[in-house]
């Protein structure tokens, strides 16, 4: 979600810009019980949820042991993949020769 660009304009459009039906997206969402609950939930708990997620990821990024273990696992996977590719090349597995 952090990769998305958030803007005041998109929020204001959600609140005020009429859709094809003539109603705003917010007005439509208020008529949908599931979406209404989400809106109410985010309004009452959204800030603390975002803060909890932020805190969790900061803790993960600051946990040197976790990062070390993660890097080791990634390195092993990379080496295993390299080993499999080399093995396939030497045995001819997975190599297709097409006639032109």
C-alpha atoms as a PDB file:
ATOM      1  CA  UNK A   1       0.000   0.000   0.000  1.00  0.00           C
ATOM      2  CA  UNK A   2       2.846   2.358   0.677  1.00  0.00           C
ATOM      3  CA  UNK A   3       3.716   2.277  -3.013  1.00  0.00           C
ATOM      4  CA  UNK A   4       0.478   4.017  -3.907  1.00  0.00           C
ATOM      5  CA  UNK A   5       0.324   7.760  -4.142  1.00  0.00           C
ATOM      6  CA  UNK A   6      -2.268   9.271  -1.866  1.00  0.00           C
ATOM      7  CA  UNK A   7      -3.625  12.710  -2.521  1.00  0.00           C
ATOM      8  CA  UNK A   8      -6.104  15.110  -1.063  1.00  0.00           C
ATOM      9  CA  UNK A   9      -7.687  15.367  -4.515  1.00  0.00           C
ATOM     10  CA  UNK A  10      -8.593  11.679  -4.649  1.00  0.00           C
ATOM     11  CA  UNK A  11     -10.114  11.897  -1.177  1.00  0.00           C
ATOM     12  CA  UNK A  12     -12.099  15.006  -2.058  1.00  0.00           C
ATOM     13  CA  UNK A  13     -13.297  13.353  -5.280  1.00  0.00           C
ATOM     14  CA  UNK A  14     -14.479  10.360  -3.236  1.00  0.00           C
ATOM     15  CA  UNK A  15     -16.502  12.706  -1.039  1.00  0.00           C
ATOM     16  CA  UNK A  16     -17.774  15.266  -3.548  1.00  0.00           C
ATOM     17  CA  UNK A  17     -17.449  14.130  -7.193  1.00  0.00           C
ATOM     18  CA  UNK A  18     -20.659  12.659  -8.643  1.00  0.00           C
ATOM     19  CA  UNK A  19     -20.414   9.354 -10.469  1.00  0.00           C
ATOM     20  CA  UNK A  20     -22.439   8.419 -13.565  1.00  0.00           C
ATOM     21  CA  UNK A  21     -25.372   7.711 -11.250  1.00  0.00           C
ATOM     22  CA  UNK A  22     -25.235  11.292  -9.963  1.00  0.00           C
ATOM     23  CA  UNK A  23     -24.263  10.134  -6.462  1.00  0.00           C
ATOM     24  CA  UNK A  24     -20.828  10.410  -4.930  1.00  0.00           C
ATOM     25  CA  UNK A  25     -18.833   7.265  -4.178  1.00  0.00           C
ATOM     26  CA  UNK A  26     -19.168   8.075  -0.480  1.00  0.00           C
ATOM     27  CA  UNK A  27     -22.979   8.263  -0.716  1.00  0.00           C
ATOM     28  CA  UNK A  28     -23.036   4.903  -2.507  1.00  0.00           C
ATOM     29  CA  UNK A  29     -20.709   3.349   0.059  1.00  0.00           C
ATOM     30  CA  UNK A  30     -22.867   4.560   2.937  1.00  0.00           C
ATOM     31  CA  UNK A  31     -25.727   2.474   1.518  1.00  0.00           C
ATOM     32  CA  UNK A  32     -23.585  -0.694   1.507  1.00  0.00           C
ATOM     33  CA  UNK A  33     -23.509  -2.282   5.000  1.00  0.00           C
ATOM     34  CA  UNK A  34     -20.113  -3.975   4.480  1.00  0.00           C
ATOM     35  CA  UNK A  35     -18.465  -0.799   3.231  1.00  0.00           C
ATOM     36  CA  UNK A  36     -20.193   1.280   5.899  1.00  0.00           C
ATOM     37  CA  UNK A  37     -18.694  -0.989   8.566  1.00  0.00           C
ATOM     38  CA  UNK A  38     -15.220  -0.636   6.993  1.00  0.00           C
ATOM     39  CA  UNK A  39     -15.560   3.142   6.943  1.00  0.00           C
ATOM     40  CA  UNK A  40     -16.640   3.174  10.588  1.00  0.00           C
ATOM     41  CA  UNK A  41     -13.881   0.763  11.572  1.00  0.00           C
ATOM     42  CA  UNK A  42     -11.172   2.767   9.819  1.00  0.00           C
ATOM     43  CA  UNK A  43     -12.541   6.005  11.261  1.00  0.00           C
ATOM     44  CA  UNK A  44     -12.372   4.628  14.797  1.00  0.00           C
ATOM     45  CA  UNK A  45      -9.253   2.427  14.596  1.00  0.00           C
ATOM     46  CA  UNK A  46      -7.359   3.378  11.423  1.00  0.00           C
ATOM     47  CA  UNK A  47      -4.743   5.586  13.056  1.00  0.00           C
ATOM     48  CA  UNK A  48      -3.825   3.002  15.667  1.00  0.00           C
ATOM     49  CA  UNK A  49      -3.717   0.213  13.061  1.00  0.00           C
ATOM     50  CA  UNK A  50      -1.362   2.198  10.842  1.00  0.00           C
ATOM     51  CA  UNK A  51       0.799   3.032  13.848  1.00  0.00           C
ATOM     52  CA  UNK A  52       0.918  -0.647  14.910  1.00  0.00           C
ATOM     53  CA  UNK A  53       1.966  -1.733  11.397  1.00  0.00           C
ATOM     54  CA  UNK A  54       4.581   1.024  11.275  1.00  0.00           C
ATOM     55  CA  UNK A  55       5.952   0.018  14.682  1.00  0.00           C
ATOM     56  CA  UNK A  56       6.047  -3.664  13.742  1.00  0.00           C
ATOM     57  CA  UNK A  57       8.040  -3.054  10.563  1.00  0.00           C
ATOM     58  CA  UNK A  58      10.422  -0.721  12.365  1.00  0.00           C
ATOM     59  CA  UNK A  59      10.999  -3.466  14.938  1.00  0.00           C
ATOM     60  CA  UNK A  60      11.602  -6.031  12.195  1.00  0.00           C
ATOM     61  CA  UNK A  61      14.038  -3.747  10.397  1.00  0.00           C
ATOM     62  CA  UNK A  62      15.901  -3.100  13.645  1.00  0.00           C
ATOM     63  CA  UNK A  63      16.047  -6.797  14.562  1.00  0.00           C
ATOM     64  CA  UNK A  64      19.541  -7.765  13.406  1.00  0.00           C
ATOM     65  CA  UNK A  65      19.055 -11.471  14.185  1.00  0.00           C
ATOM     66  CA  UNK A  66      15.894 -11.611  12.046  1.00  0.00           C
ATOM     67  CA  UNK A  67      17.605  -9.826   9.163  1.00  0.00           C
ATOM     68  CA  UNK A  68      20.678 -12.071   9.408  1.00  0.00           C
ATOM     69  CA  UNK A  69      18.508 -15.219   9.303  1.00  0.00           C
ATOM     70  CA  UNK A  70      16.471 -13.843   6.406  1.00  0.00           C
ATOM     71  CA  UNK A  71      19.600 -13.003   4.404  1.00  0.00           C
ATOM     72  CA  UNK A  72      20.994 -16.489   5.046  1.00  0.00           C
ATOM     73  CA  UNK A  73      17.775 -18.104   3.801  1.00  0.00           C
ATOM     74  CA  UNK A  74      17.751 -15.937   0.689  1.00  0.00           C
ATOM     75  CA  UNK A  75      21.406 -16.723   0.017  1.00  0.00           C
ATOM     76  CA  UNK A  76      20.741 -20.476   0.347  1.00  0.00           C
ATOM     77  CA  UNK A  77      17.786 -20.239  -2.037  1.00  0.00           C
ATOM     78  CA  UNK A  78      19.857 -18.286  -4.545  1.00  0.00           C
ATOM     79  CA  UNK A  79      22.710 -20.807  -4.355  1.00  0.00           C
ATOM     80  CA  UNK A  80      20.280 -23.719  -4.683  1.00  0.00           C
ATOM     81  CA  UNK A  81      18.695 -22.125  -7.756  1.00  0.00           C
ATOM     82  CA  UNK A  82      22.144 -21.516  -9.257  1.00  0.00           C
ATOM     83  CA  UNK A  83      23.106 -25.105  -8.527  1.00  0.00           C
ATOM     84  CA  UNK A  84      19.933 -26.415 -10.189  1.00  0.00           C
ATOM     85  CA  UNK A  85      20.492 -24.249 -13.269  1.00  0.00           C
ATOM     86  CA  UNK A  86      24.096 -25.451 -13.596  1.00  0.00           C
ATOM     87  CA  UNK A  87      22.976 -29.055 -13.146  1.00  0.00           C
ATOM     88  CA  UNK A  88      20.308 -28.674 -15.838  1.00  0.00           C
ATOM     89  CA  UNK A  89      22.842 -27.210 -18.254  1.00  0.00           C
ATOM     90  CA  UNK A  90      25.360 -29.991 -17.736  1.00  0.00           C
ATOM     91  CA  UNK A  91      22.758 -32.780 -18.014  1.00  0.00           C
ATOM     92  CA  UNK A  92      20.827 -31.155 -20.825  1.00  0.00           C
ATOM     93  CA  UNK A  93      17.628 -31.165 -18.768  1.00  0.00           C
ATOM     94  CA  UNK A  94      15.230 -28.406 -19.621  1.00  0.00           C
ATOM     95  CA  UNK A  95      17.137 -27.445 -22.764  1.00  0.00           C
ATOM     96  CA  UNK A  96      15.066 -27.566 -25.918  1.00  0.00           C
ATOM     97  CA  UNK A  97      16.459 -27.222 -29.381  1.00  0.00           C
ATOM     98  CA  UNK A  98      13.980 -26.027 -31.930  1.00  0.00           C
ATOM     99  CA  UNK A  99      14.330 -26.614 -35.651  1.00  0.00           C
ATOM    100  CA  UNK A 100      14.095 -23.480 -37.726  1.00  0.00           C
END
